């Protein structure tokens, strides 16, 4: 499976907002947005032209992909799945992305970034309902318990993330017990409960052409 291997700070600069892809660095004055707020590339500092409607739709799609760390084909499959369900397609799309296992590990504060959460899952450090799950895209259902495995709770990466988790607000649709290193997805979040700066309707318009 393909993956992005270039500097992730370039992605934040391209979208013009913090995507929180590097954990602690994103909260410091070393953040790329703080140092160079213009897009990467030789034309990054040149005067911007007016963005077309298609360009706006494309940017929103790219922003969502980069926030959740999924590749184009996988993102398109999520959209197809969302479009087959009853309800608002854009909201369902975000719900599918939010209930990925790697995203929930990040939201609970077990990892400092989604990329770090993805690595924890892939290396077998996370369990769901007591069973090891090493698939970052695993769809978590309400009521399922996500835990750090017993052997992994003393890892510096995990302890540091949990120690700093108070800097990010715990969502009302999640519960996390710091002592037991486990959390529960209480319910599928509504759009109002998903804190991502994405205009999902533009993504729907892009894929509906």
C-alpha atoms as a PDB file:
ATOM      1  CA  UNK A   1       0.000   0.000   0.000  1.00  0.00           C
ATOM      2  CA  UNK A   2       1.343   3.449  -0.899  1.00  0.00           C
ATOM      3  CA  UNK A   3       2.105   6.017   1.760  1.00  0.00           C
ATOM      4  CA  UNK A   4       3.297   9.611   1.935  1.00  0.00           C
ATOM      5  CA  UNK A   5       7.025   9.825   2.720  1.00  0.00           C
ATOM      6  CA  UNK A   6       7.838  13.528   2.218  1.00  0.00           C
ATOM      7  CA  UNK A   7       7.871  16.183   4.950  1.00  0.00           C
ATOM      8  CA  UNK A   8       4.440  16.433   6.564  1.00  0.00           C
ATOM      9  CA  UNK A   9       5.066  20.077   7.435  1.00  0.00           C
ATOM     10  CA  UNK A  10       4.727  20.816   3.709  1.00  0.00           C
ATOM     11  CA  UNK A  11       1.161  19.520   3.905  1.00  0.00           C
ATOM     12  CA  UNK A  12       0.226  21.987   6.638  1.00  0.00           C
ATOM     13  CA  UNK A  13       1.777  24.828   4.672  1.00  0.00           C
ATOM     14  CA  UNK A  14      -0.074  23.804   1.518  1.00  0.00           C
ATOM     15  CA  UNK A  15      -3.424  23.788   3.297  1.00  0.00           C
ATOM     16  CA  UNK A  16      -2.625  26.946   5.257  1.00  0.00           C
ATOM     17  CA  UNK A  17      -3.656  25.490   8.643  1.00  0.00           C
ATOM     18  CA  UNK A  18      -2.230  23.267  11.361  1.00  0.00           C
ATOM     19  CA  UNK A  19      -3.097  19.641  10.583  1.00  0.00           C
ATOM     20  CA  UNK A  20      -1.361  18.422  13.778  1.00  0.00           C
ATOM     21  CA  UNK A  21       0.674  15.781  11.977  1.00  0.00           C
ATOM     22  CA  UNK A  22       3.832  15.964  14.137  1.00  0.00           C
ATOM     23  CA  UNK A  23       2.575  15.911  17.713  1.00  0.00           C
ATOM     24  CA  UNK A  24       4.416  18.284  20.084  1.00  0.00           C
ATOM     25  CA  UNK A  25       6.100  20.223  17.290  1.00  0.00           C
ATOM     26  CA  UNK A  26       2.701  21.466  16.087  1.00  0.00           C
ATOM     27  CA  UNK A  27       2.130  23.195  19.452  1.00  0.00           C
ATOM     28  CA  UNK A  28       5.517  24.931  19.502  1.00  0.00           C
ATOM     29  CA  UNK A  29       7.010  27.914  17.704  1.00  0.00           C
ATOM     30  CA  UNK A  30       8.781  25.413  15.433  1.00  0.00           C
ATOM     31  CA  UNK A  31       5.495  24.733  13.661  1.00  0.00           C
ATOM     32  CA  UNK A  32       5.880  25.294   9.909  1.00  0.00           C
ATOM     33  CA  UNK A  33       2.794  27.521   9.817  1.00  0.00           C
ATOM     34  CA  UNK A  34       4.416  29.844  12.361  1.00  0.00           C
ATOM     35  CA  UNK A  35       7.731  30.038  10.502  1.00  0.00           C
ATOM     36  CA  UNK A  36       6.554  29.979   6.866  1.00  0.00           C
ATOM     37  CA  UNK A  37       2.836  30.557   6.430  1.00  0.00           C
ATOM     38  CA  UNK A  38       2.961  30.478   2.629  1.00  0.00           C
ATOM     39  CA  UNK A  39       2.592  27.331   0.443  1.00  0.00           C
ATOM     40  CA  UNK A  40       5.719  25.309  -0.384  1.00  0.00           C
ATOM     41  CA  UNK A  41       7.448  25.535  -3.757  1.00  0.00           C
ATOM     42  CA  UNK A  42       9.138  28.273  -5.762  1.00  0.00           C
ATOM     43  CA  UNK A  43       5.849  30.082  -6.375  1.00  0.00           C
ATOM     44  CA  UNK A  44       4.663  29.816  -2.771  1.00  0.00           C
ATOM     45  CA  UNK A  45       5.333  33.457  -1.929  1.00  0.00           C
ATOM     46  CA  UNK A  46       3.971  34.853  -5.167  1.00  0.00           C
ATOM     47  CA  UNK A  47       0.636  36.613  -5.297  1.00  0.00           C
ATOM     48  CA  UNK A  48      -2.191  34.100  -5.234  1.00  0.00           C
ATOM     49  CA  UNK A  49      -4.698  33.974  -8.035  1.00  0.00           C
ATOM     50  CA  UNK A  50      -8.381  33.540  -7.408  1.00  0.00           C
ATOM     51  CA  UNK A  51      -9.204  29.891  -6.701  1.00  0.00           C
ATOM     52  CA  UNK A  52     -11.857  28.322  -8.923  1.00  0.00           C
ATOM     53  CA  UNK A  53     -14.839  26.384  -7.463  1.00  0.00           C
ATOM     54  CA  UNK A  54     -13.141  23.146  -8.522  1.00  0.00           C
ATOM     55  CA  UNK A  55      -9.940  24.274  -6.816  1.00  0.00           C
ATOM     56  CA  UNK A  56     -11.843  24.921  -3.585  1.00  0.00           C
ATOM     57  CA  UNK A  57     -13.446  21.470  -3.740  1.00  0.00           C
ATOM     58  CA  UNK A  58     -10.091  19.826  -4.407  1.00  0.00           C
ATOM     59  CA  UNK A  59      -8.448  21.630  -1.499  1.00  0.00           C
ATOM     60  CA  UNK A  60     -11.137  20.490   0.935  1.00  0.00           C
ATOM     61  CA  UNK A  61     -10.753  16.898  -0.217  1.00  0.00           C
ATOM     62  CA  UNK A  62      -6.972  17.041   0.085  1.00  0.00           C
ATOM     63  CA  UNK A  63      -7.249  18.650   3.514  1.00  0.00           C
ATOM     64  CA  UNK A  64      -9.533  15.874   4.791  1.00  0.00           C
ATOM     65  CA  UNK A  65      -7.281  13.160   3.341  1.00  0.00           C
ATOM     66  CA  UNK A  66      -4.224  14.646   4.971  1.00  0.00           C
ATOM     67  CA  UNK A  67      -5.849  15.177   8.355  1.00  0.00           C
ATOM     68  CA  UNK A  68      -6.839  11.510   8.591  1.00  0.00           C
ATOM     69  CA  UNK A  69      -3.770  10.174   6.762  1.00  0.00           C
ATOM     70  CA  UNK A  70      -5.499   8.111   4.074  1.00  0.00           C
ATOM     71  CA  UNK A  71      -4.529   7.693   0.443  1.00  0.00           C
ATOM     72  CA  UNK A  72      -6.722   8.710  -2.497  1.00  0.00           C
ATOM     73  CA  UNK A  73      -8.149   5.278  -3.346  1.00  0.00           C
ATOM     74  CA  UNK A  74      -9.011   4.551   0.272  1.00  0.00           C
ATOM     75  CA  UNK A  75     -10.611   7.971   0.680  1.00  0.00           C
ATOM     76  CA  UNK A  76     -12.707   7.445  -2.446  1.00  0.00           C
ATOM     77  CA  UNK A  77     -13.866   4.083  -1.112  1.00  0.00           C
ATOM     78  CA  UNK A  78     -14.960   5.777   2.110  1.00  0.00           C
ATOM     79  CA  UNK A  79     -16.980   8.241   0.033  1.00  0.00           C
ATOM     80  CA  UNK A  80     -18.628   5.434  -1.939  1.00  0.00           C
ATOM     81  CA  UNK A  81     -19.540   3.681   1.292  1.00  0.00           C
ATOM     82  CA  UNK A  82     -20.937   6.911   2.755  1.00  0.00           C
ATOM     83  CA  UNK A  83     -22.984   7.633  -0.379  1.00  0.00           C
ATOM     84  CA  UNK A  84     -24.704   4.239  -0.111  1.00  0.00           C
ATOM     85  CA  UNK A  85     -25.920   4.922   3.425  1.00  0.00           C
ATOM     86  CA  UNK A  86     -29.043   6.860   4.348  1.00  0.00           C
ATOM     87  CA  UNK A  87     -28.372  10.321   5.703  1.00  0.00           C
ATOM     88  CA  UNK A  88     -26.143  13.266   4.895  1.00  0.00           C
ATOM     89  CA  UNK A  89     -23.255  11.885   2.832  1.00  0.00           C
ATOM     90  CA  UNK A  90     -20.660  14.415   4.016  1.00  0.00           C
ATOM     91  CA  UNK A  91     -21.433  13.803   7.677  1.00  0.00           C
ATOM     92  CA  UNK A  92     -21.373  10.022   7.232  1.00  0.00           C
ATOM     93  CA  UNK A  93     -18.020  10.314   5.464  1.00  0.00           C
ATOM     94  CA  UNK A  94     -16.508  12.124   8.448  1.00  0.00           C
ATOM     95  CA  UNK A  95     -18.078   9.625  10.849  1.00  0.00           C
ATOM     96  CA  UNK A  96     -16.441   6.735   8.976  1.00  0.00           C
ATOM     97  CA  UNK A  97     -13.086   8.476   9.176  1.00  0.00           C
ATOM     98  CA  UNK A  98     -13.501   9.391  12.851  1.00  0.00           C
ATOM     99  CA  UNK A  99     -14.313   5.795  13.864  1.00  0.00           C
ATOM    100  CA  UNK A 100     -11.120   4.382  12.378  1.00  0.00           C
ATOM    101  CA  UNK A 101      -9.062   2.700  15.094  1.00  0.00           C
ATOM    102  CA  UNK A 102      -5.958   4.833  14.514  1.00  0.00           C
ATOM    103  CA  UNK A 103      -7.985   8.041  14.751  1.00  0.00           C
ATOM    104  CA  UNK A 104      -9.609   6.976  18.028  1.00  0.00           C
ATOM    105  CA  UNK A 105      -6.230   6.045  19.511  1.00  0.00           C
ATOM    106  CA  UNK A 106      -5.137   9.593  18.666  1.00  0.00           C
ATOM    107  CA  UNK A 107      -8.346  11.211  19.957  1.00  0.00           C
ATOM    108  CA  UNK A 108      -8.007   9.400  23.281  1.00  0.00           C
ATOM    109  CA  UNK A 109      -4.492  10.784  23.689  1.00  0.00           C
ATOM    110  CA  UNK A 110      -2.682   7.441  23.536  1.00  0.00           C
ATOM    111  CA  UNK A 111      -0.548   8.834  20.695  1.00  0.00           C
ATOM    112  CA  UNK A 112       0.528  12.402  19.904  1.00  0.00           C
ATOM    113  CA  UNK A 113      -0.388  12.230  16.223  1.00  0.00           C
ATOM    114  CA  UNK A 114      -2.425  10.046  13.911  1.00  0.00           C
ATOM    115  CA  UNK A 115       0.764   8.782  12.317  1.00  0.00           C
ATOM    116  CA  UNK A 116       2.101   7.704  15.718  1.00  0.00           C
ATOM    117  CA  UNK A 117      -1.276   6.100  16.465  1.00  0.00           C
ATOM    118  CA  UNK A 118      -1.099   4.207  13.165  1.00  0.00           C
ATOM    119  CA  UNK A 119       2.317   2.840  14.105  1.00  0.00           C
ATOM    120  CA  UNK A 120       1.116   1.726  17.550  1.00  0.00           C
ATOM    121  CA  UNK A 121      -1.761  -0.170  15.967  1.00  0.00           C
ATOM    122  CA  UNK A 122       0.317  -1.751  13.185  1.00  0.00           C
ATOM    123  CA  UNK A 123       2.963  -2.927  15.666  1.00  0.00           C
ATOM    124  CA  UNK A 124       0.355  -4.710  17.760  1.00  0.00           C
ATOM    125  CA  UNK A 125       0.314  -2.445  20.820  1.00  0.00           C
ATOM    126  CA  UNK A 126      -3.469  -1.876  20.789  1.00  0.00           C
ATOM    127  CA  UNK A 127      -6.352  -4.207  21.597  1.00  0.00           C
ATOM    128  CA  UNK A 128     -10.081  -3.952  20.926  1.00  0.00           C
ATOM    129  CA  UNK A 129     -12.295  -5.798  23.405  1.00  0.00           C
ATOM    130  CA  UNK A 130      -9.213  -7.656  24.625  1.00  0.00           C
ATOM    131  CA  UNK A 131      -8.127  -8.865  21.178  1.00  0.00           C
ATOM    132  CA  UNK A 132      -5.071  -7.480  19.418  1.00  0.00           C
ATOM    133  CA  UNK A 133      -5.998  -5.538  16.287  1.00  0.00           C
ATOM    134  CA  UNK A 134      -3.190  -4.405  13.979  1.00  0.00           C
ATOM    135  CA  UNK A 135      -5.339  -2.830  11.252  1.00  0.00           C
ATOM    136  CA  UNK A 136      -5.358   1.008  11.525  1.00  0.00           C
ATOM    137  CA  UNK A 137      -8.514   1.285   9.394  1.00  0.00           C
ATOM    138  CA  UNK A 138     -10.458  -1.113  11.641  1.00  0.00           C
ATOM    139  CA  UNK A 139     -13.981   0.285  12.090  1.00  0.00           C
ATOM    140  CA  UNK A 140     -14.724   0.711  15.801  1.00  0.00           C
ATOM    141  CA  UNK A 141     -18.341   0.379  16.892  1.00  0.00           C
ATOM    142  CA  UNK A 142     -19.987   2.082  19.881  1.00  0.00           C
ATOM    143  CA  UNK A 143     -19.332   0.168  23.082  1.00  0.00           C
ATOM    144  CA  UNK A 144     -16.057  -1.379  21.955  1.00  0.00           C
ATOM    145  CA  UNK A 145     -13.139  -0.977  24.371  1.00  0.00           C
ATOM    146  CA  UNK A 146      -9.797   0.231  23.019  1.00  0.00           C
ATOM    147  CA  UNK A 147      -6.783  -0.499  25.239  1.00  0.00           C
ATOM    148  CA  UNK A 148      -3.017  -0.394  25.206  1.00  0.00           C
ATOM    149  CA  UNK A 149      -1.736  -3.964  25.597  1.00  0.00           C
ATOM    150  CA  UNK A 150      -0.217  -4.864  28.973  1.00  0.00           C
ATOM    151  CA  UNK A 151       3.308  -5.223  27.577  1.00  0.00           C
ATOM    152  CA  UNK A 152       3.183  -1.831  25.859  1.00  0.00           C
ATOM    153  CA  UNK A 153       1.963   0.420  28.667  1.00  0.00           C
ATOM    154  CA  UNK A 154       5.485   1.275  29.836  1.00  0.00           C
ATOM    155  CA  UNK A 155       6.676   2.402  26.420  1.00  0.00           C
ATOM    156  CA  UNK A 156       8.045   5.941  26.499  1.00  0.00           C
ATOM    157  CA  UNK A 157       6.023   6.882  23.413  1.00  0.00           C
ATOM    158  CA  UNK A 158       2.775   5.917  25.125  1.00  0.00           C
ATOM    159  CA  UNK A 159       3.608   7.379  28.555  1.00  0.00           C
ATOM    160  CA  UNK A 160       4.679  10.700  27.053  1.00  0.00           C
ATOM    161  CA  UNK A 161       1.530  10.928  24.937  1.00  0.00           C
ATOM    162  CA  UNK A 162      -0.760  10.172  27.887  1.00  0.00           C
ATOM    163  CA  UNK A 163       1.110  12.681  30.086  1.00  0.00           C
ATOM    164  CA  UNK A 164       0.476  15.406  27.488  1.00  0.00           C
ATOM    165  CA  UNK A 165      -3.049  14.408  26.575  1.00  0.00           C
ATOM    166  CA  UNK A 166      -4.636  17.198  28.614  1.00  0.00           C
ATOM    167  CA  UNK A 167      -3.581  19.756  26.016  1.00  0.00           C
ATOM    168  CA  UNK A 168      -6.177  18.300  23.627  1.00  0.00           C
ATOM    169  CA  UNK A 169      -9.825  18.364  24.610  1.00  0.00           C
ATOM    170  CA  UNK A 170     -11.425  14.955  25.153  1.00  0.00           C
ATOM    171  CA  UNK A 171     -14.485  14.606  22.961  1.00  0.00           C
ATOM    172  CA  UNK A 172     -17.867  14.005  24.602  1.00  0.00           C
ATOM    173  CA  UNK A 173     -18.432  10.853  22.546  1.00  0.00           C
ATOM    174  CA  UNK A 174     -15.309   9.196  23.960  1.00  0.00           C
ATOM    175  CA  UNK A 175     -14.280   8.000  27.385  1.00  0.00           C
ATOM    176  CA  UNK A 176     -10.709   7.269  28.506  1.00  0.00           C
ATOM    177  CA  UNK A 177      -9.378   5.833  31.772  1.00  0.00           C
ATOM    178  CA  UNK A 178      -5.769   6.926  32.210  1.00  0.00           C
ATOM    179  CA  UNK A 179      -5.123   4.372  34.956  1.00  0.00           C
ATOM    180  CA  UNK A 180      -6.269   1.392  32.881  1.00  0.00           C
ATOM    181  CA  UNK A 181      -4.969   2.843  29.603  1.00  0.00           C
ATOM    182  CA  UNK A 182      -8.288   2.065  27.944  1.00  0.00           C
ATOM    183  CA  UNK A 183     -11.169   3.955  26.417  1.00  0.00           C
ATOM    184  CA  UNK A 184     -14.603   3.430  24.933  1.00  0.00           C
ATOM    185  CA  UNK A 185     -16.373   4.841  21.902  1.00  0.00           C
ATOM    186  CA  UNK A 186     -19.627   5.918  23.541  1.00  0.00           C
ATOM    187  CA  UNK A 187     -21.474   6.808  20.342  1.00  0.00           C
ATOM    188  CA  UNK A 188     -20.960   7.729  16.712  1.00  0.00           C
ATOM    189  CA  UNK A 189     -20.304  11.493  16.747  1.00  0.00           C
ATOM    190  CA  UNK A 190     -22.598  13.958  15.001  1.00  0.00           C
ATOM    191  CA  UNK A 191     -21.104  16.570  12.683  1.00  0.00           C
ATOM    192  CA  UNK A 192     -21.220  19.185  15.445  1.00  0.00           C
ATOM    193  CA  UNK A 193     -19.040  16.923  17.609  1.00  0.00           C
ATOM    194  CA  UNK A 194     -16.298  16.386  15.003  1.00  0.00           C
ATOM    195  CA  UNK A 195     -13.610  19.087  15.407  1.00  0.00           C
ATOM    196  CA  UNK A 196     -12.143  19.174  11.909  1.00  0.00           C
ATOM    197  CA  UNK A 197     -11.972  22.374   9.777  1.00  0.00           C
ATOM    198  CA  UNK A 198     -13.370  20.753   6.638  1.00  0.00           C
ATOM    199  CA  UNK A 199     -16.308  21.791   4.440  1.00  0.00           C
ATOM    200  CA  UNK A 200     -17.453  18.276   3.651  1.00  0.00           C
ATOM    201  CA  UNK A 201     -20.181  19.443   1.263  1.00  0.00           C
ATOM    202  CA  UNK A 202     -17.466  20.596  -1.154  1.00  0.00           C
ATOM    203  CA  UNK A 203     -16.025  17.071  -1.103  1.00  0.00           C
ATOM    204  CA  UNK A 204     -19.448  15.655  -1.931  1.00  0.00           C
ATOM    205  CA  UNK A 205     -19.773  18.087  -4.824  1.00  0.00           C
ATOM    206  CA  UNK A 206     -16.317  17.113  -6.113  1.00  0.00           C
ATOM    207  CA  UNK A 207     -17.009  13.389  -6.168  1.00  0.00           C
ATOM    208  CA  UNK A 208     -20.551  13.814  -7.467  1.00  0.00           C
ATOM    209  CA  UNK A 209     -19.451  15.296 -10.797  1.00  0.00           C
END
